Amino acid sequence: MTSKPLFCVVIAVFLLALQAAVLQAGEPVLLRTALLVKDAKASIRFYELLGFRIETEMDIPRKPEGNFFPLNAPSTRTRLVIMASDSGEGGRLGLVEFSGPIPADNRIEASRTGVGDAVLVFDVTNAEAIHDRLLAAGVNIIEPPQVYLSKKTATDSSPMRGHVFHVKDPDDYLIELLEAPKPVAAKKPVR
């Protein structure tokens, strides 16, 4: 009888020790998303329209032979631009431009999104205003802001509605601009 509780205690201590070892090793934390771009200047202008600013910029020589970064071209230069949101919230974005030569695009059809492609989702407070700003700048807009009804409801059980639209950045990465749902204003009774 005493062996079963003792076994459970030993297993519990083992699991706690294992958990402590995992926590001590540290879990990975996403530092930034990096996009390989053809023209860093064009990408910088685009992401500035979304409220990002340059935080760090480096131009680094690159040795193609013996380099562990699996690039599909023997490029000899790397430009890294790290951008952060003006608000200081959210993640950082890395723009990586290789040159001498520029790597080939691996996508079968860059104008369409498929497996292996990234979709960057940005939280916006006013989808219509962002849409108008991007439209005026000549950005490749897939569709105007669309209304969506949230599955969640407001505290008074009324429906909540948000807006979403999609654009392409200069390298054809799909960008989703999502305005969080807000309670739908109740219609005023007609008298």
C-alpha atoms as a PDB file:
ATOM      1  CA  MET A   1       0.000   0.000   0.000  1.00  0.00           C
ATOM      2  CA  THR A   2       2.763   2.440   0.812  1.00  0.00           C
ATOM      3  CA  SER A   3       4.580   1.799  -2.472  1.00  0.00           C
ATOM      4  CA  LYS A   4       1.803   3.298  -4.644  1.00  0.00           C
ATOM      5  CA  PRO A   5       1.716   6.711  -2.853  1.00  0.00           C
ATOM      6  CA  LEU A   6       5.514   6.747  -2.788  1.00  0.00           C
ATOM      7  CA  PHE A   7       5.583   6.040  -6.553  1.00  0.00           C
ATOM      8  CA  CYS A   8       3.146   8.956  -7.144  1.00  0.00           C
ATOM      9  CA  VAL A   9       5.351  11.273  -5.065  1.00  0.00           C
ATOM     10  CA  VAL A  10       8.451  10.205  -7.013  1.00  0.00           C
ATOM     11  CA  ILE A  11       6.676  10.813 -10.344  1.00  0.00           C
ATOM     12  CA  ALA A  12       5.397  14.217  -9.149  1.00  0.00           C
ATOM     13  CA  VAL A  13       8.904  15.250  -8.033  1.00  0.00           C
ATOM     14  CA  PHE A  14      10.321  14.052 -11.381  1.00  0.00           C
ATOM     15  CA  LEU A  15       7.721  16.051 -13.343  1.00  0.00           C
ATOM     16  CA  LEU A  16       8.386  19.176 -11.263  1.00  0.00           C
ATOM     17  CA  ALA A  17      12.135  18.796 -11.841  1.00  0.00           C
ATOM     18  CA  LEU A  18      11.538  18.332 -15.569  1.00  0.00           C
ATOM     19  CA  GLN A  19       9.314  21.416 -15.691  1.00  0.00           C
ATOM     20  CA  ALA A  20      11.945  23.455 -13.812  1.00  0.00           C
ATOM     21  CA  ALA A  21      14.634  22.324 -16.293  1.00  0.00           C
ATOM     22  CA  VAL A  22      12.471  23.368 -19.254  1.00  0.00           C
ATOM     23  CA  LEU A  23      11.709  26.744 -17.684  1.00  0.00           C
ATOM     24  CA  GLN A  24      15.372  27.260 -16.860  1.00  0.00           C
ATOM     25  CA  ALA A  25      16.344  26.560 -20.477  1.00  0.00           C
ATOM     26  CA  GLY A  26      13.857  29.248 -21.524  1.00  0.00           C
ATOM     27  CA  GLU A  27      11.190  29.050 -24.159  1.00  0.00           C
ATOM     28  CA  PRO A  28      11.832  30.804 -27.478  1.00  0.00           C
ATOM     29  CA  VAL A  29      10.332  34.281 -27.780  1.00  0.00           C
ATOM     30  CA  LEU A  30       9.561  35.698 -31.218  1.00  0.00           C
ATOM     31  CA  LEU A  31      11.981  38.578 -31.657  1.00  0.00           C
ATOM     32  CA  ARG A  32      10.715  39.847 -35.003  1.00  0.00           C
ATOM     33  CA  THR A  33       9.350  38.759 -38.343  1.00  0.00           C
ATOM     34  CA  ALA A  34      11.869  39.168 -41.146  1.00  0.00           C
ATOM     35  CA  LEU A  35      10.825  39.584 -44.771  1.00  0.00           C
ATOM     36  CA  LEU A  36      13.207  39.127 -47.691  1.00  0.00           C
ATOM     37  CA  VAL A  37      12.631  42.150 -49.931  1.00  0.00           C
ATOM     38  CA  LYS A  38      13.910  43.264 -53.339  1.00  0.00           C
ATOM     39  CA  ASP A  39      14.054  46.993 -52.523  1.00  0.00           C
ATOM     40  CA  ALA A  40      14.350  47.993 -48.864  1.00  0.00           C
ATOM     41  CA  LYS A  41      13.603  51.668 -49.633  1.00  0.00           C
ATOM     42  CA  ALA A  42      10.231  50.797 -51.212  1.00  0.00           C
ATOM     43  CA  SER A  43       9.385  48.492 -48.297  1.00  0.00           C
ATOM     44  CA  ILE A  44      10.364  51.158 -45.751  1.00  0.00           C
ATOM     45  CA  ARG A  45       8.023  53.679 -47.426  1.00  0.00           C
ATOM     46  CA  PHE A  46       5.174  51.128 -47.362  1.00  0.00           C
ATOM     47  CA  TYR A  47       5.565  50.178 -43.695  1.00  0.00           C
ATOM     48  CA  GLU A  48       5.926  53.839 -42.704  1.00  0.00           C
ATOM     49  CA  LEU A  49       2.381  54.265 -44.086  1.00  0.00           C
ATOM     50  CA  LEU A  50       1.319  51.700 -41.448  1.00  0.00           C
ATOM     51  CA  GLY A  51       2.969  53.678 -38.636  1.00  0.00           C
ATOM     52  CA  PHE A  52       6.358  51.963 -38.445  1.00  0.00           C
ATOM     53  CA  ARG A  53       9.708  53.725 -38.107  1.00  0.00           C
ATOM     54  CA  ILE A  54      13.297  52.597 -38.589  1.00  0.00           C
ATOM     55  CA  GLU A  55      14.813  51.417 -35.335  1.00  0.00           C
ATOM     56  CA  THR A  56      18.074  49.951 -36.681  1.00  0.00           C
ATOM     57  CA  GLU A  57      19.692  49.838 -40.098  1.00  0.00           C
ATOM     58  CA  MET A  58      22.803  47.906 -41.147  1.00  0.00           C
ATOM     59  CA  ASP A  59      24.587  47.294 -44.422  1.00  0.00           C
ATOM     60  CA  ILE A  60      26.754  44.199 -44.012  1.00  0.00           C
ATOM     61  CA  PRO A  61      29.129  42.422 -46.409  1.00  0.00           C
ATOM     62  CA  ARG A  62      28.187  38.764 -46.898  1.00  0.00           C
ATOM     63  CA  LYS A  63      30.437  35.829 -47.678  1.00  0.00           C
ATOM     64  CA  PRO A  64      28.372  33.459 -49.853  1.00  0.00           C
ATOM     65  CA  GLU A  65      30.612  30.432 -49.274  1.00  0.00           C
ATOM     66  CA  GLY A  66      30.353  28.841 -45.843  1.00  0.00           C
ATOM     67  CA  ASN A  67      27.321  30.980 -44.896  1.00  0.00           C
ATOM     68  CA  PHE A  68      24.716  28.979 -43.002  1.00  0.00           C
ATOM     69  CA  PHE A  69      21.759  31.173 -44.080  1.00  0.00           C
ATOM     70  CA  PRO A  70      20.168  29.043 -46.855  1.00  0.00           C
ATOM     71  CA  LEU A  71      19.934  31.693 -49.588  1.00  0.00           C
ATOM     72  CA  ASN A  72      19.250  30.695 -53.206  1.00  0.00           C
ATOM     73  CA  ALA A  73      21.858  33.143 -54.582  1.00  0.00           C
ATOM     74  CA  PRO A  74      25.550  33.861 -53.895  1.00  0.00           C
ATOM     75  CA  SER A  75      24.734  37.384 -52.671  1.00  0.00           C
ATOM     76  CA  THR A  76      27.631  39.442 -51.330  1.00  0.00           C
ATOM     77  CA  ARG A  77      25.742  42.193 -49.448  1.00  0.00           C
ATOM     78  CA  THR A  78      22.982  42.222 -46.846  1.00  0.00           C
ATOM     79  CA  ARG A  79      20.965  45.227 -45.784  1.00  0.00           C
ATOM     80  CA  LEU A  80      18.953  44.743 -42.596  1.00  0.00           C
ATOM     81  CA  VAL A  81      16.373  47.299 -41.535  1.00  0.00           C
ATOM     82  CA  ILE A  82      14.485  46.717 -38.297  1.00  0.00           C
ATOM     83  CA  MET A  83      11.274  48.690 -37.949  1.00  0.00           C
ATOM     84  CA  ALA A  84       9.121  49.200 -34.877  1.00  0.00           C
ATOM     85  CA  SER A  85       5.643  50.615 -34.438  1.00  0.00           C
ATOM     86  CA  ASP A  86       5.510  54.318 -33.548  1.00  0.00           C
ATOM     87  CA  SER A  87       3.270  53.352 -30.624  1.00  0.00           C
ATOM     88  CA  GLY A  88       5.891  50.940 -29.282  1.00  0.00           C
ATOM     89  CA  GLU A  89       3.285  48.164 -29.187  1.00  0.00           C
ATOM     90  CA  GLY A  90       3.393  44.916 -31.094  1.00  0.00           C
ATOM     91  CA  GLY A  91       6.307  43.164 -32.716  1.00  0.00           C
ATOM     92  CA  ARG A  92       9.155  44.365 -34.827  1.00  0.00           C
ATOM     93  CA  LEU A  93       9.567  43.875 -38.539  1.00  0.00           C
ATOM     94  CA  GLY A  94      12.872  43.082 -40.212  1.00  0.00           C
ATOM     95  CA  LEU A  95      13.384  43.945 -43.860  1.00  0.00           C
ATOM     96  CA  VAL A  96      16.294  42.012 -45.373  1.00  0.00           C
ATOM     97  CA  GLU A  97      17.626  42.992 -48.783  1.00  0.00           C
ATOM     98  CA  PHE A  98      20.317  40.818 -50.372  1.00  0.00           C
ATOM     99  CA  SER A  99      22.304  42.067 -53.364  1.00  0.00           C
ATOM    100  CA  GLY A 100      25.163  41.114 -55.626  1.00  0.00           C
ATOM    101  CA  PRO A 101      23.038  39.266 -56.931  1.00  0.00           C
ATOM    102  CA  ILE A 102      19.426  39.557 -55.717  1.00  0.00           C
ATOM    103  CA  PRO A 103      17.968  36.126 -54.809  1.00  0.00           C
ATOM    104  CA  ALA A 104      15.269  34.638 -57.018  1.00  0.00           C
ATOM    105  CA  ASP A 105      11.640  34.584 -55.895  1.00  0.00           C
ATOM    106  CA  ASN A 106      10.722  31.004 -54.900  1.00  0.00           C
ATOM    107  CA  ARG A 107       6.984  31.544 -55.160  1.00  0.00           C
ATOM    108  CA  ILE A 108       5.206  29.921 -58.081  1.00  0.00           C
ATOM    109  CA  GLU A 109       2.738  32.794 -58.397  1.00  0.00           C
ATOM    110  CA  ALA A 110       3.620  35.782 -56.216  1.00  0.00           C
ATOM    111  CA  SER A 111       0.255  37.470 -56.818  1.00  0.00           C
ATOM    112  CA  ARG A 112      -1.543  34.606 -55.038  1.00  0.00           C
ATOM    113  CA  THR A 113      -1.017  33.435 -51.483  1.00  0.00           C
ATOM    114  CA  GLY A 114      -0.349  29.773 -50.780  1.00  0.00           C
ATOM    115  CA  VAL A 115       1.305  27.343 -48.410  1.00  0.00           C
ATOM    116  CA  GLY A 116       4.651  28.675 -47.265  1.00  0.00           C
ATOM    117  CA  ASP A 117       3.674  32.332 -47.643  1.00  0.00           C
ATOM    118  CA  ALA A 118       3.343  34.682 -44.703  1.00  0.00           C
ATOM    119  CA  VAL A 119       0.276  36.799 -43.932  1.00  0.00           C
ATOM    120  CA  LEU A 120       1.018  39.752 -41.673  1.00  0.00           C
ATOM    121  CA  VAL A 121      -1.979  40.833 -39.591  1.00  0.00           C
ATOM    122  CA  PHE A 122      -2.024  44.394 -38.255  1.00  0.00           C
ATOM    123  CA  ASP A 123      -4.431  45.674 -35.617  1.00  0.00           C
ATOM    124  CA  VAL A 124      -5.823  49.079 -36.673  1.00  0.00           C
ATOM    125  CA  THR A 125      -8.185  51.433 -34.889  1.00  0.00           C
ATOM    126  CA  ASN A 126      -9.774  52.880 -38.034  1.00  0.00           C
ATOM    127  CA  ALA A 127      -9.728  50.654 -41.133  1.00  0.00           C
ATOM    128  CA  GLU A 128     -11.391  53.308 -43.332  1.00  0.00           C
ATOM    129  CA  ALA A 129      -8.719  55.932 -42.520  1.00  0.00           C
ATOM    130  CA  ILE A 130      -5.861  53.481 -43.140  1.00  0.00           C
ATOM    131  CA  HIS A 131      -7.522  52.369 -46.391  1.00  0.00           C
ATOM    132  CA  ASP A 132      -7.786  55.986 -47.581  1.00  0.00           C
ATOM    133  CA  ARG A 133      -4.118  56.657 -46.687  1.00  0.00           C
ATOM    134  CA  LEU A 134      -2.934  53.559 -48.566  1.00  0.00           C
ATOM    135  CA  LEU A 135      -5.186  54.291 -51.542  1.00  0.00           C
ATOM    136  CA  ALA A 136      -3.756  57.826 -51.829  1.00  0.00           C
ATOM    137  CA  ALA A 137      -0.225  56.361 -51.775  1.00  0.00           C
ATOM    138  CA  GLY A 138      -0.998  53.973 -54.658  1.00  0.00           C
ATOM    139  CA  VAL A 139      -0.730  50.763 -52.619  1.00  0.00           C
ATOM    140  CA  ASN A 140      -1.985  47.513 -54.187  1.00  0.00           C
ATOM    141  CA  ILE A 141      -5.302  47.168 -52.324  1.00  0.00           C
ATOM    142  CA  ILE A 142      -7.070  43.827 -52.721  1.00  0.00           C
ATOM    143  CA  GLU A 143     -10.481  45.060 -51.507  1.00  0.00           C
ATOM    144  CA  PRO A 144     -11.947  47.982 -49.539  1.00  0.00           C
ATOM    145  CA  PRO A 145     -12.720  47.439 -45.845  1.00  0.00           C
ATOM    146  CA  GLN A 146     -15.313  44.714 -45.384  1.00  0.00           C
ATOM    147  CA  VAL A 147     -17.670  44.543 -42.411  1.00  0.00           C
ATOM    148  CA  TYR A 148     -17.636  41.375 -40.364  1.00  0.00           C
ATOM    149  CA  LEU A 149     -19.809  40.353 -37.427  1.00  0.00           C
ATOM    150  CA  SER A 150     -17.955  38.968 -34.452  1.00  0.00           C
ATOM    151  CA  LYS A 151     -18.958  35.733 -32.770  1.00  0.00           C
ATOM    152  CA  LYS A 152     -18.580  37.613 -29.495  1.00  0.00           C
ATOM    153  CA  THR A 153     -21.269  39.963 -28.234  1.00  0.00           C
ATOM    154  CA  ALA A 154     -21.121  43.146 -26.205  1.00  0.00           C
ATOM    155  CA  THR A 155     -21.860  43.110 -22.476  1.00  0.00           C
ATOM    156  CA  ASP A 156     -25.493  43.979 -23.257  1.00  0.00           C
ATOM    157  CA  SER A 157     -25.639  40.972 -25.670  1.00  0.00           C
ATOM    158  CA  SER A 158     -25.799  43.246 -28.719  1.00  0.00           C
ATOM    159  CA  PRO A 159     -23.812  42.218 -31.814  1.00  0.00           C
ATOM    160  CA  MET A 160     -20.283  43.472 -32.444  1.00  0.00           C
ATOM    161  CA  ARG A 161     -18.972  44.513 -35.850  1.00  0.00           C
ATOM    162  CA  GLY A 162     -15.447  45.107 -37.147  1.00  0.00           C
ATOM    163  CA  HIS A 163     -13.721  45.883 -40.438  1.00  0.00           C
ATOM    164  CA  VAL A 164     -11.026  44.038 -42.350  1.00  0.00           C
ATOM    165  CA  PHE A 165      -9.243  44.534 -45.653  1.00  0.00           C
ATOM    166  CA  HIS A 166      -6.184  43.197 -47.447  1.00  0.00           C
ATOM    167  CA  VAL A 167      -3.326  44.816 -49.344  1.00  0.00           C
ATOM    168  CA  LYS A 168      -0.054  43.663 -50.878  1.00  0.00           C
ATOM    169  CA  ASP A 169       3.272  45.194 -49.901  1.00  0.00           C
ATOM    170  CA  PRO A 170       5.913  45.973 -52.585  1.00  0.00           C
ATOM    171  CA  ASP A 171       7.122  42.334 -52.534  1.00  0.00           C
ATOM    172  CA  ASP A 172       3.592  40.883 -52.734  1.00  0.00           C
ATOM    173  CA  TYR A 173       3.417  39.827 -49.081  1.00  0.00           C
ATOM    174  CA  LEU A 174      -0.249  39.724 -48.045  1.00  0.00           C
ATOM    175  CA  ILE A 175      -1.137  42.237 -45.343  1.00  0.00           C
ATOM    176  CA  GLU A 176      -4.382  41.991 -43.365  1.00  0.00           C
ATOM    177  CA  LEU A 177      -5.588  45.157 -41.651  1.00  0.00           C
ATOM    178  CA  LEU A 178      -8.046  44.269 -38.927  1.00  0.00           C
ATOM    179  CA  GLU A 179     -10.163  46.702 -36.951  1.00  0.00           C
ATOM    180  CA  ALA A 180     -11.372  45.009 -33.780  1.00  0.00           C
ATOM    181  CA  PRO A 181     -15.134  44.577 -33.439  1.00  0.00           C
ATOM    182  CA  LYS A 182     -17.125  47.186 -31.560  1.00  0.00           C
ATOM    183  CA  PRO A 183     -20.730  47.078 -30.359  1.00  0.00           C
ATOM    184  CA  VAL A 184     -23.205  47.888 -33.103  1.00  0.00           C
ATOM    185  CA  ALA A 185     -25.067  51.050 -32.222  1.00  0.00           C
ATOM    186  CA  ALA A 186     -28.695  50.350 -31.458  1.00  0.00           C
ATOM    187  CA  LYS A 187     -31.154  51.880 -33.857  1.00  0.00           C
ATOM    188  CA  LYS A 188     -33.085  54.753 -32.365  1.00  0.00           C
ATOM    189  CA  PRO A 189     -36.849  54.239 -32.359  1.00  0.00           C
ATOM    190  CA  VAL A 190     -38.732  56.318 -34.898  1.00  0.00           C
ATOM    191  CA  ARG A 191     -41.460  58.449 -33.338  1.00  0.00           C
END
